[in-house]
C-alpha atoms as a PDB file:
ATOM      1  CA  MET A   1      48.469  62.231 -18.423  1.00  0.00           C
ATOM      2  CA  VAL A   2      48.297  59.148 -20.425  1.00  0.00           C
ATOM      3  CA  LYS A   3      49.848  57.234 -17.572  1.00  0.00           C
ATOM      4  CA  VAL A   4      47.093  58.330 -15.150  1.00  0.00           C
ATOM      5  CA  LYS A   5      44.304  57.107 -17.446  1.00  0.00           C
ATOM      6  CA  ASP A   6      46.091  53.817 -17.982  1.00  0.00           C
ATOM      7  CA  SER A   7      46.417  53.246 -14.231  1.00  0.00           C
ATOM      8  CA  ARG A   8      42.705  53.964 -13.756  1.00  0.00           C
ATOM      9  CA  PHE A   9      41.808  51.461 -16.452  1.00  0.00           C
ATOM     10  CA  THR A  10      44.245  48.987 -14.956  1.00  0.00           C
ATOM     11  CA  ARG A  11      42.694  49.383 -11.494  1.00  0.00           C
ATOM     12  CA  LEU A  12      39.192  49.145 -12.959  1.00  0.00           C
ATOM     13  CA  GLY A  13      40.189  46.094 -14.986  1.00  0.00           C
ATOM     14  CA  VAL A  14      41.669  44.398 -11.952  1.00  0.00           C
ATOM     15  CA  ALA A  15      38.547  45.188  -9.886  1.00  0.00           C
ATOM     16  CA  VAL A  16      36.206  43.882 -12.598  1.00  0.00           C
ATOM     17  CA  SER A  17      38.284  40.749 -13.110  1.00  0.00           C
ATOM     18  CA  LEU A  18      38.418  40.070  -9.341  1.00  0.00           C
ATOM     19  CA  PHE A  19      34.651  40.611  -9.066  1.00  0.00           C
ATOM     20  CA  THR A  20      34.057  38.288 -12.028  1.00  0.00           C
ATOM     21  CA  LEU A  21      36.390  35.697 -10.526  1.00  0.00           C
ATOM     22  CA  ALA A  22      34.571  35.938  -7.178  1.00  0.00           C
ATOM     23  CA  VAL A  23      31.146  35.533  -8.825  1.00  0.00           C
ATOM     24  CA  PHE A  24      32.298  32.514 -10.836  1.00  0.00           C
ATOM     25  CA  GLY A  25      33.949  31.075  -7.713  1.00  0.00           C
ATOM     26  CA  VAL A  26      30.758  31.406  -5.689  1.00  0.00           C
ATOM     27  CA  PHE A  27      28.697  29.795  -8.459  1.00  0.00           C
ATOM     28  CA  SER A  28      31.272  27.008  -8.797  1.00  0.00           C
ATOM     29  CA  LEU A  29      31.143  26.296  -5.067  1.00  0.00           C
ATOM     30  CA  GLY A  30      27.333  26.298  -5.252  1.00  0.00           C
ATOM     31  CA  ILE A  31      27.388  23.783  -8.081  1.00  0.00           C
ATOM     32  CA  VAL A  32      29.821  21.528  -6.207  1.00  0.00           C
ATOM     33  CA  TRP A  33      27.656  21.732  -3.066  1.00  0.00           C
ATOM     34  CA  LEU A  34      24.514  20.863  -5.062  1.00  0.00           C
ATOM     35  CA  ARG A  35      26.264  17.908  -6.682  1.00  0.00           C
ATOM     36  CA  MET A  36      27.307  16.616  -3.256  1.00  0.00           C
ATOM     37  CA  GLU A  37      23.707  16.933  -2.015  1.00  0.00           C
ATOM     38  CA  ILE A  38      22.456  15.093  -5.095  1.00  0.00           C
ATOM     39  CA  SER A  39      24.993  12.298  -4.517  1.00  0.00           C
ATOM     40  CA  GLU A  40      23.973  11.977  -0.870  1.00  0.00           C
ATOM     41  CA  ASN A  41      20.273  11.838  -1.784  1.00  0.00           C
ATOM     42  CA  ALA A  42      20.955   9.286  -4.511  1.00  0.00           C
ATOM     43  CA  SER A  43      22.738   6.969  -2.078  1.00  0.00           C
ATOM     44  CA  THR A  44      19.871   7.344   0.397  1.00  0.00           C
ATOM     45  CA  CYS A  45      17.392   6.511  -2.378  1.00  0.00           C
ATOM     46  CA  GLY A  46      19.399   3.410  -3.244  1.00  0.00           C
ATOM     47  CA  LEU A  47      19.282   2.209   0.363  1.00  0.00           C
ATOM     48  CA  LEU A  48      15.545   2.872   0.555  1.00  0.00           C
ATOM     49  CA  GLU A  49      14.947   0.978  -2.693  1.00  0.00           C
ATOM     50  CA  ASP A  50      16.866  -2.007  -1.303  1.00  0.00           C
ATOM     51  CA  GLU A  51      14.766  -1.888   1.857  1.00  0.00           C
ATOM     52  CA  ARG A  52      11.581  -1.621  -0.203  1.00  0.00           C
ATOM     53  CA  GLU A  53      12.555  -4.735  -2.150  1.00  0.00           C
ATOM     54  CA  LYS A  54      13.124  -6.640   1.093  1.00  0.00           C
ATOM     55  CA  VAL A  55       9.724  -5.520   2.397  1.00  0.00           C
ATOM     56  CA  ASN A  56       8.050  -6.492  -0.884  1.00  0.00           C
ATOM     57  CA  ARG A  57       9.647  -9.942  -0.749  1.00  0.00           C
ATOM     58  CA  ARG A  58       8.465 -10.404   2.836  1.00  0.00           C
ATOM     59  CA  LEU A  59       4.981  -9.209   1.871  1.00  0.00           C
ATOM     60  CA  ARG A  60       4.799 -11.719  -0.996  1.00  0.00           C
ATOM     61  CA  ALA A  61       5.901 -14.486   1.364  1.00  0.00           C
ATOM     62  CA  LEU A  62       3.250 -13.526   3.917  1.00  0.00           C
ATOM     63  CA  ARG A  63       0.568 -13.361   1.244  1.00  0.00           C
ATOM     64  CA  GLY A  64       1.609 -16.831   0.100  1.00  0.00           C
ATOM     65  CA  GLN A  65       1.379 -18.129   3.656  1.00  0.00           C
ATOM     66  CA  LYS A  66      -2.053 -16.570   4.062  1.00  0.00           C
ATOM     67  CA  SER A  67      -3.224 -18.060   0.783  1.00  0.00           C
ATOM     68  CA  ALA A  68      -1.937 -21.479   1.790  1.00  0.00           C
ATOM     69  CA  SER A  69      -3.539 -21.296   5.224  1.00  0.00           C
ATOM     70  CA  MET A  70      -6.916 -20.323   3.739  1.00  0.00           C
ATOM     71  CA  ARG A  71      -7.186 -23.498   1.651  1.00  0.00           C
ATOM     72  CA  PRO A  72     -10.160 -25.611   2.734  1.00  0.00           C
ATOM     73  CA  THR A  73      -8.024 -28.683   3.398  1.00  0.00           C
ATOM     74  CA  ARG A  74      -5.633 -26.706   5.618  1.00  0.00           C
ATOM     75  CA  LEU A  75      -8.544 -25.107   7.496  1.00  0.00           C
ATOM     76  CA  ALA A  76     -10.156 -28.499   8.003  1.00  0.00           C
ATOM     77  CA  ALA A  77      -6.896 -29.848   9.413  1.00  0.00           C
ATOM     78  CA  LEU A  78      -6.572 -26.888  11.781  1.00  0.00           C
ATOM     79  CA  VAL A  79     -10.067 -27.217  13.269  1.00  0.00           C
ATOM     80  CA  LYS A  80     -10.289 -31.006  13.218  1.00  0.00           C
ATOM     81  CA  GLY A  81     -12.159 -32.166  16.300  1.00  0.00           C
ATOM     82  CA  ARG A  82     -12.806 -28.665  17.632  1.00  0.00           C
ATOM     83  CA  LEU A  83     -15.986 -27.760  15.756  1.00  0.00           C
ATOM     84  CA  SER A  84     -17.968 -30.889  16.384  1.00  0.00           C
ATOM     85  CA  MET A  85     -21.283 -30.832  18.237  1.00  0.00           C
ATOM     86  CA  PRO A  86     -20.967 -31.376  21.999  1.00  0.00           C
ATOM     87  CA  GLY A  87     -22.269 -34.578  23.489  1.00  0.00           C
ATOM     88  CA  VAL A  88     -25.862 -34.926  24.655  1.00  0.00           C
ATOM     89  CA  SER A  89     -24.819 -34.567  28.287  1.00  0.00           C
ATOM     90  CA  SER A  90     -23.236 -31.181  27.481  1.00  0.00           C
ATOM     91  CA  GLN A  91     -26.257 -29.766  25.653  1.00  0.00           C
ATOM     92  CA  PHE A  92     -29.118 -27.816  27.198  1.00  0.00           C
ATOM     93  CA  TYR A  93     -32.102 -26.102  25.644  1.00  0.00           C
ATOM     94  CA  ILE A  94     -33.822 -22.866  26.601  1.00  0.00           C
ATOM     95  CA  THR A  95     -37.460 -22.369  25.801  1.00  0.00           C
ATOM     96  CA  GLU A  96     -38.862 -19.098  24.552  1.00  0.00           C
ATOM     97  CA  GLY A  97     -40.678 -18.515  27.850  1.00  0.00           C
ATOM     98  CA  GLU A  98     -37.506 -18.994  29.889  1.00  0.00           C
ATOM     99  CA  MET A  99     -35.655 -16.593  27.609  1.00  0.00           C
ATOM    100  CA  LYS A 100     -38.352 -13.917  27.981  1.00  0.00           C
ATOM    101  CA  LYS A 101     -38.433 -14.417  31.740  1.00  0.00           C
ATOM    102  CA  ARG A 102     -34.661 -14.020  31.989  1.00  0.00           C
ATOM    103  CA  LEU A 103     -34.674 -10.918  29.797  1.00  0.00           C
ATOM    104  CA  SER A 104     -37.601  -9.252  31.570  1.00  0.00           C
ATOM    105  CA  SER A 105     -36.217  -9.955  35.056  1.00  0.00           C
ATOM    106  CA  ASP A 106     -33.023  -8.139  34.164  1.00  0.00           C
ATOM    107  CA  ASP A 107     -33.012  -5.074  36.446  1.00  0.00           C
ATOM    108  CA  SER A 108     -30.644  -3.055  34.219  1.00  0.00           C
ATOM    109  CA  SER A 109     -33.055  -2.302  31.391  1.00  0.00           C
ATOM    110  CA  ASN A 110     -31.066   0.762  30.287  1.00  0.00           C
ATOM    111  CA  ALA A 111     -27.890  -1.238  29.781  1.00  0.00           C
ATOM    112  CA  SER A 112     -26.828  -2.268  26.319  1.00  0.00           C
ATOM    113  CA  PRO A 113     -27.861  -5.762  25.148  1.00  0.00           C
ATOM    114  CA  ARG A 114     -24.240  -6.864  25.131  1.00  0.00           C
ATOM    115  CA  SER A 115     -23.858  -6.176  28.817  1.00  0.00           C
ATOM    116  CA  ARG A 116     -26.851  -8.326  29.809  1.00  0.00           C
ATOM    117  CA  LYS A 117     -26.120 -11.776  31.099  1.00  0.00           C
ATOM    118  CA  LEU A 118     -28.293 -14.046  28.964  1.00  0.00           C
ATOM    119  CA  ALA A 119     -27.036 -17.444  29.945  1.00  0.00           C
ATOM    120  CA  GLY A 120     -27.173 -16.738  33.672  1.00  0.00           C
ATOM    121  CA  ASN A 121     -27.284 -19.943  35.715  1.00  0.00           C
ATOM    122  CA  PHE A 122     -29.572 -22.113  33.595  1.00  0.00           C
ATOM    123  CA  VAL A 123     -29.997 -25.518  35.121  1.00  0.00           C
ATOM    124  CA  GLN A 124     -31.676 -28.498  33.464  1.00  0.00           C
END
């Protein structure tokens, strides 16, 4: 009878040890899988950080260009000759009466002010 009890304990011991080995194996595979995911995410983060640095450098360069182009001397050079008053032959004046007449003769009174044609065909 002693042999029967020993074989039961041996079978139970083998079953418990195999179950324990399987549980530790599954946890080990889970840990390895998580470490691989972490490594993949870390490499992706590194690439994104490199890209962010490139974008930041480009942004600083563009801000520098904007700052340089907004200097008064640069602006004056850009618009030189384009913002001067037109010659006397190119100027015309509209009196208040003419303006009121043009605005009141507009048949689309419900239209927005932007859609009205103010200048029309004024002739001097």
